[in-house]
Amino acid sequence: LTVLDSKTHDQLVVFNNWDGPMLALKEDSRITVYSEDSLALQSPVVKSYRKGTFAGEVSIKPLRSLLWHNGSKVLVIDSAATYSPQMKPDVLVLTHSPKVNLERLLSELKPKQVVADASNYKSYIARWEATCQKQKIPFHATAEKGSFRIE
């Protein structure tokens, strides 16, 4: 991306954050950070992202289980593991090591992409990656590959 592109390019980012889920929705020069942490705006990750995208306004909102970006539905499943089989997300984000049967979850929800953030146990991430490979669904672990962007 050029400097001009990064200013005007809208995106949703799942950050590689060990403390818990942190997502950012960038629209024009505004960033909305979704997090459980009220101090997320002080995070070095958010500060770097803001600087790198030349964003002006940055705000924080409580993490929601369902987010939309450019027609893509993003479902966040945490340790409470609550979801509705009718949700059919494009991207499934797993956080805080939810105790789920991923095979059943994938067959019910049919996501196009699965993302596991850094707050999950490594053993869970390895198992989820193998399950996704079997079902030919792309898998992204932020602890291994860094932040995940949806353009």
N, C-alpha and C. Protein backbone atom coordinates (compact mmCIF):
# COMPACT_ATOMS: atom_id res chain seq x y z
N LEU A 1 0.83 -1.20 0.00
CA LEU A 1 0.00 0.00 0.00
C LEU A 1 0.87 1.25 0.00
N THR A 2 0.46 2.23 -0.74
CA THR A 2 1.16 3.51 -0.68
C THR A 2 0.58 4.31 0.47
N VAL A 3 1.18 5.44 0.76
CA VAL A 3 0.68 6.30 1.84
C VAL A 3 -0.76 6.70 1.55
N LEU A 4 -1.05 7.07 0.30
CA LEU A 4 -2.40 7.48 -0.06
C LEU A 4 -3.39 6.33 0.14
N ASP A 5 -3.00 5.12 -0.29
CA ASP A 5 -3.86 3.95 -0.13
C ASP A 5 -4.18 3.68 1.34
N SER A 6 -3.17 3.77 2.20
CA SER A 6 -3.39 3.44 3.60
C SER A 6 -4.29 4.46 4.29
N LYS A 7 -4.34 5.68 3.75
CA LYS A 7 -5.24 6.69 4.32
C LYS A 7 -6.70 6.40 3.96
N THR A 8 -6.92 5.92 2.74
CA THR A 8 -8.29 5.77 2.26
C THR A 8 -8.80 4.33 2.32
N HIS A 9 -7.92 3.39 2.59
CA HIS A 9 -8.26 1.96 2.54
C HIS A 9 -8.99 1.52 3.82
N ASP A 10 -10.24 1.09 3.68
CA ASP A 10 -10.98 0.59 4.84
C ASP A 10 -10.57 -0.85 5.11
N GLN A 11 -10.49 -1.21 6.39
CA GLN A 11 -10.14 -2.59 6.74
C GLN A 11 -10.56 -2.91 8.17
N LEU A 12 -10.70 -4.20 8.42
CA LEU A 12 -10.93 -4.72 9.76
C LEU A 12 -9.70 -5.54 10.11
N VAL A 13 -9.14 -5.30 11.29
CA VAL A 13 -7.91 -5.99 11.70
C VAL A 13 -8.15 -6.74 12.99
N VAL A 14 -7.72 -8.00 13.03
CA VAL A 14 -7.68 -8.78 14.27
C VAL A 14 -6.22 -8.73 14.71
N PHE A 15 -5.96 -8.03 15.82
CA PHE A 15 -4.58 -7.85 16.27
C PHE A 15 -4.05 -9.08 16.98
N ASN A 16 -2.73 -9.22 16.96
CA ASN A 16 -2.04 -10.26 17.70
C ASN A 16 -1.84 -9.73 19.12
N ASN A 17 -2.83 -9.94 19.99
CA ASN A 17 -2.81 -9.40 21.34
C ASN A 17 -2.97 -10.54 22.34
N TRP A 18 -1.98 -10.72 23.19
CA TRP A 18 -1.97 -11.84 24.14
C TRP A 18 -3.01 -11.67 25.25
N ASP A 19 -3.31 -10.43 25.61
CA ASP A 19 -4.19 -10.17 26.76
C ASP A 19 -5.66 -10.46 26.48
N GLY A 20 -6.04 -10.48 25.24
CA GLY A 20 -7.45 -10.71 24.91
C GLY A 20 -7.74 -10.17 23.53
N PRO A 21 -8.95 -10.37 23.07
CA PRO A 21 -9.28 -9.96 21.70
C PRO A 21 -9.22 -8.45 21.54
N MET A 22 -8.66 -8.03 20.42
CA MET A 22 -8.63 -6.63 20.07
C MET A 22 -8.77 -6.54 18.55
N LEU A 23 -9.86 -5.93 18.12
CA LEU A 23 -10.11 -5.75 16.70
C LEU A 23 -10.22 -4.27 16.42
N ALA A 24 -9.87 -3.86 15.22
CA ALA A 24 -9.99 -2.45 14.84
C ALA A 24 -10.68 -2.37 13.49
N LEU A 25 -11.64 -1.49 13.40
CA LEU A 25 -12.34 -1.22 12.15
C LEU A 25 -11.90 0.16 11.68
N LYS A 26 -11.22 0.21 10.54
CA LYS A 26 -10.75 1.49 10.00
C LYS A 26 -11.64 1.88 8.84
N GLU A 27 -12.26 3.04 8.97
CA GLU A 27 -13.09 3.59 7.91
C GLU A 27 -12.64 5.02 7.66
N ASP A 28 -12.21 5.29 6.44
CA ASP A 28 -11.62 6.58 6.08
C ASP A 28 -10.45 6.85 7.02
N SER A 29 -10.50 7.95 7.78
CA SER A 29 -9.38 8.24 8.69
C SER A 29 -9.78 8.00 10.14
N ARG A 30 -10.87 7.23 10.35
CA ARG A 30 -11.34 6.90 11.71
C ARG A 30 -11.07 5.44 12.01
N ILE A 31 -10.67 5.18 13.25
CA ILE A 31 -10.48 3.81 13.71
C ILE A 31 -11.36 3.59 14.93
N THR A 32 -12.12 2.50 14.92
CA THR A 32 -12.87 2.08 16.09
C THR A 32 -12.23 0.79 16.59
N VAL A 33 -11.76 0.81 17.82
CA VAL A 33 -11.13 -0.37 18.42
C VAL A 33 -12.19 -1.09 19.25
N TYR A 34 -12.34 -2.38 19.00
CA TYR A 34 -13.26 -3.21 19.78
C TYR A 34 -12.42 -4.08 20.72
N SER A 35 -12.64 -3.91 22.02
CA SER A 35 -11.82 -4.63 23.00
C SER A 35 -12.56 -4.75 24.32
N GLU A 36 -12.13 -5.72 25.14
CA GLU A 36 -12.64 -5.85 26.51
C GLU A 36 -11.85 -4.94 27.44
N ASP A 37 -10.70 -4.46 26.97
CA ASP A 37 -9.78 -3.67 27.78
C ASP A 37 -10.06 -2.18 27.59
N SER A 38 -10.44 -1.50 28.66
CA SER A 38 -10.76 -0.08 28.58
C SER A 38 -9.53 0.78 28.26
N LEU A 39 -8.34 0.21 28.43
CA LEU A 39 -7.10 0.95 28.15
C LEU A 39 -6.49 0.57 26.80
N ALA A 40 -7.28 -0.06 25.94
CA ALA A 40 -6.76 -0.56 24.67
C ALA A 40 -6.16 0.55 23.80
N LEU A 41 -6.67 1.77 23.91
CA LEU A 41 -6.15 2.86 23.08
C LEU A 41 -4.71 3.21 23.45
N GLN A 42 -4.27 2.83 24.66
CA GLN A 42 -2.88 3.07 25.07
C GLN A 42 -1.95 1.94 24.61
N SER A 43 -2.51 0.91 24.05
CA SER A 43 -1.73 -0.24 23.61
C SER A 43 -0.74 0.17 22.50
N PRO A 44 0.50 -0.33 22.58
CA PRO A 44 1.47 -0.03 21.52
C PRO A 44 0.99 -0.50 20.14
N VAL A 45 0.23 -1.59 20.11
CA VAL A 45 -0.29 -2.12 18.85
C VAL A 45 -1.23 -1.10 18.21
N VAL A 46 -2.14 -0.55 19.00
CA VAL A 46 -3.10 0.42 18.48
C VAL A 46 -2.39 1.71 18.08
N LYS A 47 -1.44 2.15 18.90
CA LYS A 47 -0.69 3.37 18.58
C LYS A 47 0.08 3.21 17.26
N SER A 48 0.72 2.07 17.08
CA SER A 48 1.47 1.81 15.84
C SER A 48 0.52 1.75 14.64
N TYR A 49 -0.61 1.08 14.81
CA TYR A 49 -1.59 0.96 13.73
C TYR A 49 -2.11 2.34 13.33
N ARG A 50 -2.41 3.16 14.34
CA ARG A 50 -2.91 4.51 14.06
C ARG A 50 -1.87 5.30 13.27
N LYS A 51 -0.63 5.23 13.71
CA LYS A 51 0.44 5.97 13.03
C LYS A 51 0.63 5.43 11.61
N GLY A 52 0.63 4.12 11.46
CA GLY A 52 0.86 3.50 10.16
C GLY A 52 -0.24 3.74 9.15
N THR A 53 -1.46 3.99 9.64
CA THR A 53 -2.58 4.22 8.72
C THR A 53 -2.93 5.71 8.62
N PHE A 54 -2.17 6.55 9.31
CA PHE A 54 -2.39 8.00 9.28
C PHE A 54 -3.80 8.37 9.73
N ALA A 55 -4.34 7.60 10.66
CA ALA A 55 -5.70 7.84 11.13
C ALA A 55 -5.74 9.05 12.05
N GLY A 56 -6.84 9.76 12.00
CA GLY A 56 -7.02 10.90 12.88
C GLY A 56 -7.72 10.48 14.15
N GLU A 57 -8.99 10.22 14.03
CA GLU A 57 -9.83 9.93 15.19
C GLU A 57 -9.77 8.44 15.54
N VAL A 58 -9.57 8.14 16.83
CA VAL A 58 -9.58 6.76 17.31
C VAL A 58 -10.51 6.68 18.50
N SER A 59 -11.43 5.71 18.46
CA SER A 59 -12.37 5.54 19.58
C SER A 59 -12.37 4.07 19.98
N ILE A 60 -12.94 3.80 21.14
CA ILE A 60 -13.00 2.42 21.63
C ILE A 60 -14.44 2.07 21.94
N LYS A 61 -14.79 0.82 21.66
CA LYS A 61 -16.12 0.30 21.97
C LYS A 61 -15.95 -1.09 22.57
N PRO A 62 -16.92 -1.53 23.37
CA PRO A 62 -16.85 -2.90 23.90
C PRO A 62 -16.87 -3.92 22.75
N LEU A 63 -16.15 -5.00 22.93
CA LEU A 63 -16.12 -6.05 21.92
C LEU A 63 -17.51 -6.62 21.71
N ARG A 64 -17.90 -6.77 20.46
CA ARG A 64 -19.19 -7.38 20.12
C ARG A 64 -18.92 -8.73 19.46
N SER A 65 -19.91 -9.60 19.54
CA SER A 65 -19.70 -10.92 18.94
C SER A 65 -19.91 -10.91 17.43
N LEU A 66 -20.56 -9.88 16.91
CA LEU A 66 -20.81 -9.82 15.47
C LEU A 66 -20.44 -8.45 14.94
N LEU A 67 -19.56 -8.43 13.93
CA LEU A 67 -19.14 -7.19 13.28
C LEU A 67 -19.31 -7.35 11.78
N TRP A 68 -19.54 -6.24 11.11
CA TRP A 68 -19.66 -6.22 9.65
C TRP A 68 -18.56 -5.34 9.08
N HIS A 69 -18.00 -5.77 7.95
CA HIS A 69 -17.03 -4.93 7.24
C HIS A 69 -17.13 -5.23 5.75
N ASN A 70 -17.46 -4.22 4.97
CA ASN A 70 -17.55 -4.35 3.50
C ASN A 70 -18.34 -5.59 3.08
N GLY A 71 -19.46 -5.84 3.71
CA GLY A 71 -20.30 -6.98 3.35
C GLY A 71 -19.86 -8.30 3.96
N SER A 72 -18.74 -8.31 4.68
CA SER A 72 -18.28 -9.53 5.34
C SER A 72 -18.78 -9.55 6.78
N LYS A 73 -19.33 -10.69 7.17
CA LYS A 73 -19.81 -10.87 8.53
C LYS A 73 -18.71 -11.55 9.34
N VAL A 74 -18.34 -10.94 10.47
CA VAL A 74 -17.27 -11.46 11.32
C VAL A 74 -17.87 -11.85 12.66
N LEU A 75 -17.75 -13.12 13.02
CA LEU A 75 -18.29 -13.64 14.27
C LEU A 75 -17.15 -13.92 15.23
N VAL A 76 -17.23 -13.36 16.44
CA VAL A 76 -16.22 -13.59 17.47
C VAL A 76 -16.80 -14.55 18.50
N ILE A 77 -16.13 -15.68 18.68
CA ILE A 77 -16.57 -16.66 19.69
C ILE A 77 -15.50 -16.72 20.78
N ASP A 78 -15.92 -16.44 22.02
CA ASP A 78 -14.99 -16.43 23.15
C ASP A 78 -15.24 -17.63 24.05
N SER A 79 -14.71 -17.59 25.27
CA SER A 79 -14.82 -18.74 26.17
C SER A 79 -16.26 -19.09 26.53
N ALA A 80 -17.20 -18.15 26.38
CA ALA A 80 -18.62 -18.45 26.63
C ALA A 80 -19.18 -19.34 25.52
N ALA A 81 -18.53 -19.32 24.36
CA ALA A 81 -18.88 -20.17 23.21
C ALA A 81 -20.35 -20.06 22.81
N THR A 82 -20.89 -18.86 22.86
CA THR A 82 -22.28 -18.67 22.45
C THR A 82 -22.35 -18.19 21.01
N TYR A 83 -23.20 -18.85 20.24
CA TYR A 83 -23.42 -18.46 18.84
C TYR A 83 -24.73 -19.10 18.38
N SER A 84 -25.24 -18.60 17.28
CA SER A 84 -26.43 -19.17 16.68
C SER A 84 -26.03 -19.83 15.36
N PRO A 85 -26.48 -21.07 15.11
CA PRO A 85 -26.13 -21.75 13.86
C PRO A 85 -26.57 -20.98 12.61
N GLN A 86 -27.53 -20.06 12.76
CA GLN A 86 -28.02 -19.29 11.62
C GLN A 86 -27.08 -18.14 11.23
N MET A 87 -26.05 -17.87 12.01
CA MET A 87 -25.21 -16.68 11.80
C MET A 87 -24.43 -16.70 10.49
N LYS A 88 -23.92 -17.84 10.06
CA LYS A 88 -23.19 -18.00 8.81
C LYS A 88 -22.18 -16.87 8.54
N PRO A 89 -21.14 -16.76 9.38
CA PRO A 89 -20.15 -15.69 9.19
C PRO A 89 -19.20 -15.99 8.03
N ASP A 90 -18.63 -14.93 7.47
CA ASP A 90 -17.57 -15.10 6.47
C ASP A 90 -16.25 -15.41 7.18
N VAL A 91 -16.04 -14.75 8.32
CA VAL A 91 -14.82 -14.94 9.11
C VAL A 91 -15.22 -15.30 10.54
N LEU A 92 -14.64 -16.36 11.06
CA LEU A 92 -14.86 -16.80 12.43
C LEU A 92 -13.60 -16.50 13.23
N VAL A 93 -13.74 -15.69 14.30
CA VAL A 93 -12.60 -15.36 15.15
C VAL A 93 -12.77 -16.10 16.48
N LEU A 94 -11.76 -16.89 16.85
CA LEU A 94 -11.78 -17.64 18.10
C LEU A 94 -10.85 -16.96 19.10
N THR A 95 -11.36 -16.70 20.31
CA THR A 95 -10.58 -16.00 21.31
C THR A 95 -10.84 -16.56 22.70
N HIS A 96 -9.89 -16.46 23.59
CA HIS A 96 -10.01 -16.95 24.97
C HIS A 96 -10.29 -18.46 25.05
N SER A 97 -9.74 -19.23 24.12
CA SER A 97 -9.82 -20.70 24.14
C SER A 97 -11.22 -21.26 24.38
N PRO A 98 -12.17 -20.95 23.49
CA PRO A 98 -13.51 -21.52 23.68
C PRO A 98 -13.49 -23.04 23.56
N LYS A 99 -14.24 -23.70 24.42
CA LYS A 99 -14.33 -25.16 24.37
C LYS A 99 -15.44 -25.51 23.38
N VAL A 100 -15.06 -25.62 22.12
CA VAL A 100 -16.02 -25.92 21.06
C VAL A 100 -15.55 -27.13 20.27
N ASN A 101 -16.51 -27.84 19.69
CA ASN A 101 -16.20 -28.89 18.73
C ASN A 101 -16.11 -28.17 17.39
N LEU A 102 -14.88 -27.88 16.95
CA LEU A 102 -14.70 -27.05 15.76
C LEU A 102 -15.25 -27.72 14.51
N GLU A 103 -15.15 -29.04 14.41
CA GLU A 103 -15.71 -29.73 13.24
C GLU A 103 -17.20 -29.45 13.11
N ARG A 104 -17.92 -29.59 14.23
CA ARG A 104 -19.37 -29.34 14.21
C ARG A 104 -19.64 -27.85 13.93
N LEU A 105 -18.85 -26.99 14.56
CA LEU A 105 -19.00 -25.55 14.39
C LEU A 105 -18.82 -25.17 12.92
N LEU A 106 -17.79 -25.72 12.27
CA LEU A 106 -17.54 -25.41 10.88
C LEU A 106 -18.64 -25.94 9.97
N SER A 107 -19.16 -27.11 10.26
CA SER A 107 -20.23 -27.65 9.41
C SER A 107 -21.54 -26.87 9.60
N GLU A 108 -21.76 -26.32 10.81
CA GLU A 108 -22.97 -25.51 11.06
C GLU A 108 -22.85 -24.11 10.46
N LEU A 109 -21.71 -23.46 10.72
CA LEU A 109 -21.56 -22.05 10.36
C LEU A 109 -21.01 -21.83 8.94
N LYS A 110 -20.22 -22.79 8.44
CA LYS A 110 -19.62 -22.71 7.11
C LYS A 110 -18.85 -21.40 6.86
N PRO A 111 -17.91 -21.03 7.75
CA PRO A 111 -17.14 -19.81 7.51
C PRO A 111 -16.16 -20.00 6.36
N LYS A 112 -15.77 -18.90 5.73
CA LYS A 112 -14.78 -18.95 4.64
C LYS A 112 -13.36 -18.87 5.19
N GLN A 113 -13.22 -18.40 6.45
CA GLN A 113 -11.91 -18.18 7.07
C GLN A 113 -12.05 -18.33 8.58
N VAL A 114 -11.04 -18.93 9.22
CA VAL A 114 -11.00 -19.02 10.69
C VAL A 114 -9.74 -18.32 11.17
N VAL A 115 -9.90 -17.45 12.19
CA VAL A 115 -8.78 -16.73 12.77
C VAL A 115 -8.76 -17.02 14.27
N ALA A 116 -7.59 -17.40 14.78
CA ALA A 116 -7.42 -17.61 16.22
C ALA A 116 -6.46 -16.54 16.71
N ASP A 117 -6.91 -15.75 17.70
CA ASP A 117 -6.01 -14.70 18.20
C ASP A 117 -5.05 -15.28 19.23
N ALA A 118 -4.16 -14.43 19.73
CA ALA A 118 -3.07 -14.89 20.61
C ALA A 118 -3.51 -15.22 22.02
N SER A 119 -4.79 -15.00 22.36
CA SER A 119 -5.25 -15.30 23.72
C SER A 119 -5.63 -16.77 23.90
N ASN A 120 -5.54 -17.56 22.82
CA ASN A 120 -5.89 -18.98 22.88
C ASN A 120 -4.71 -19.85 23.29
N TYR A 121 -5.01 -21.01 23.90
CA TYR A 121 -3.97 -21.98 24.24
C TYR A 121 -3.34 -22.50 22.95
N LYS A 122 -2.01 -22.71 22.98
CA LYS A 122 -1.30 -23.21 21.80
C LYS A 122 -1.82 -24.57 21.37
N SER A 123 -2.17 -25.42 22.34
CA SER A 123 -2.67 -26.76 21.99
C SER A 123 -4.00 -26.68 21.25
N TYR A 124 -4.86 -25.72 21.63
CA TYR A 124 -6.14 -25.52 20.94
C TYR A 124 -5.88 -25.05 19.51
N ILE A 125 -4.95 -24.09 19.37
CA ILE A 125 -4.65 -23.53 18.06
C ILE A 125 -4.17 -24.63 17.12
N ALA A 126 -3.28 -25.50 17.60
CA ALA A 126 -2.76 -26.60 16.77
C ALA A 126 -3.89 -27.53 16.34
N ARG A 127 -4.79 -27.86 17.27
CA ARG A 127 -5.92 -28.74 16.96
C ARG A 127 -6.87 -28.08 15.95
N TRP A 128 -7.16 -26.79 16.16
CA TRP A 128 -8.06 -26.07 15.24
C TRP A 128 -7.46 -25.97 13.85
N GLU A 129 -6.14 -25.76 13.78
CA GLU A 129 -5.48 -25.65 12.47
C GLU A 129 -5.61 -26.97 11.71
N ALA A 130 -5.40 -28.09 12.41
CA ALA A 130 -5.53 -29.41 11.77
C ALA A 130 -6.96 -29.64 11.29
N THR A 131 -7.94 -29.25 12.09
CA THR A 131 -9.36 -29.41 11.72
C THR A 131 -9.67 -28.58 10.48
N CYS A 132 -9.18 -27.35 10.44
CA CYS A 132 -9.42 -26.49 9.28
C CYS A 132 -8.75 -27.04 8.03
N GLN A 133 -7.53 -27.58 8.18
CA GLN A 133 -6.84 -28.17 7.03
C GLN A 133 -7.65 -29.33 6.45
N LYS A 134 -8.19 -30.17 7.36
CA LYS A 134 -9.00 -31.31 6.92
C LYS A 134 -10.21 -30.85 6.12
N GLN A 135 -10.82 -29.75 6.57
CA GLN A 135 -12.04 -29.25 5.92
C GLN A 135 -11.73 -28.20 4.83
N LYS A 136 -10.44 -28.00 4.56
CA LYS A 136 -9.99 -27.06 3.51
C LYS A 136 -10.53 -25.64 3.73
N ILE A 137 -10.47 -25.20 4.98
CA ILE A 137 -10.86 -23.84 5.34
C ILE A 137 -9.59 -23.10 5.77
N PRO A 138 -9.31 -21.94 5.17
CA PRO A 138 -8.10 -21.20 5.55
C PRO A 138 -8.09 -20.87 7.05
N PHE A 139 -6.92 -21.04 7.67
CA PHE A 139 -6.76 -20.81 9.10
C PHE A 139 -5.61 -19.84 9.32
N HIS A 140 -5.83 -18.86 10.20
CA HIS A 140 -4.80 -17.87 10.51
C HIS A 140 -4.66 -17.75 12.02
N ALA A 141 -3.47 -18.06 12.53
CA ALA A 141 -3.19 -17.90 13.97
C ALA A 141 -2.35 -16.63 14.12
N THR A 142 -2.89 -15.63 14.81
CA THR A 142 -2.16 -14.35 14.92
C THR A 142 -0.85 -14.52 15.69
N ALA A 143 -0.78 -15.46 16.63
CA ALA A 143 0.45 -15.67 17.40
C ALA A 143 1.59 -16.15 16.49
N GLU A 144 1.24 -16.78 15.40
CA GLU A 144 2.23 -17.33 14.48
C GLU A 144 2.45 -16.41 13.28
N LYS A 145 1.36 -15.84 12.74
CA LYS A 145 1.44 -15.11 11.47
C LYS A 145 1.23 -13.60 11.63
N GLY A 146 0.95 -13.14 12.85
CA GLY A 146 0.71 -11.71 13.04
C GLY A 146 -0.75 -11.34 12.81
N SER A 147 -1.02 -10.07 12.86
CA SER A 147 -2.39 -9.57 12.73
C SER A 147 -3.03 -10.05 11.43
N PHE A 148 -4.36 -10.14 11.45
CA PHE A 148 -5.11 -10.58 10.29
C PHE A 148 -5.96 -9.42 9.79
N ARG A 149 -5.87 -9.14 8.48
CA ARG A 149 -6.62 -8.02 7.90
C ARG A 149 -7.70 -8.51 6.95
N ILE A 150 -8.84 -7.86 7.05
CA ILE A 150 -9.92 -8.07 6.08
C ILE A 150 -10.08 -6.74 5.34
N GLU A 151 -9.78 -6.76 4.06
CA GLU A 151 -9.84 -5.51 3.27
C GLU A 151 -11.26 -5.20 2.86
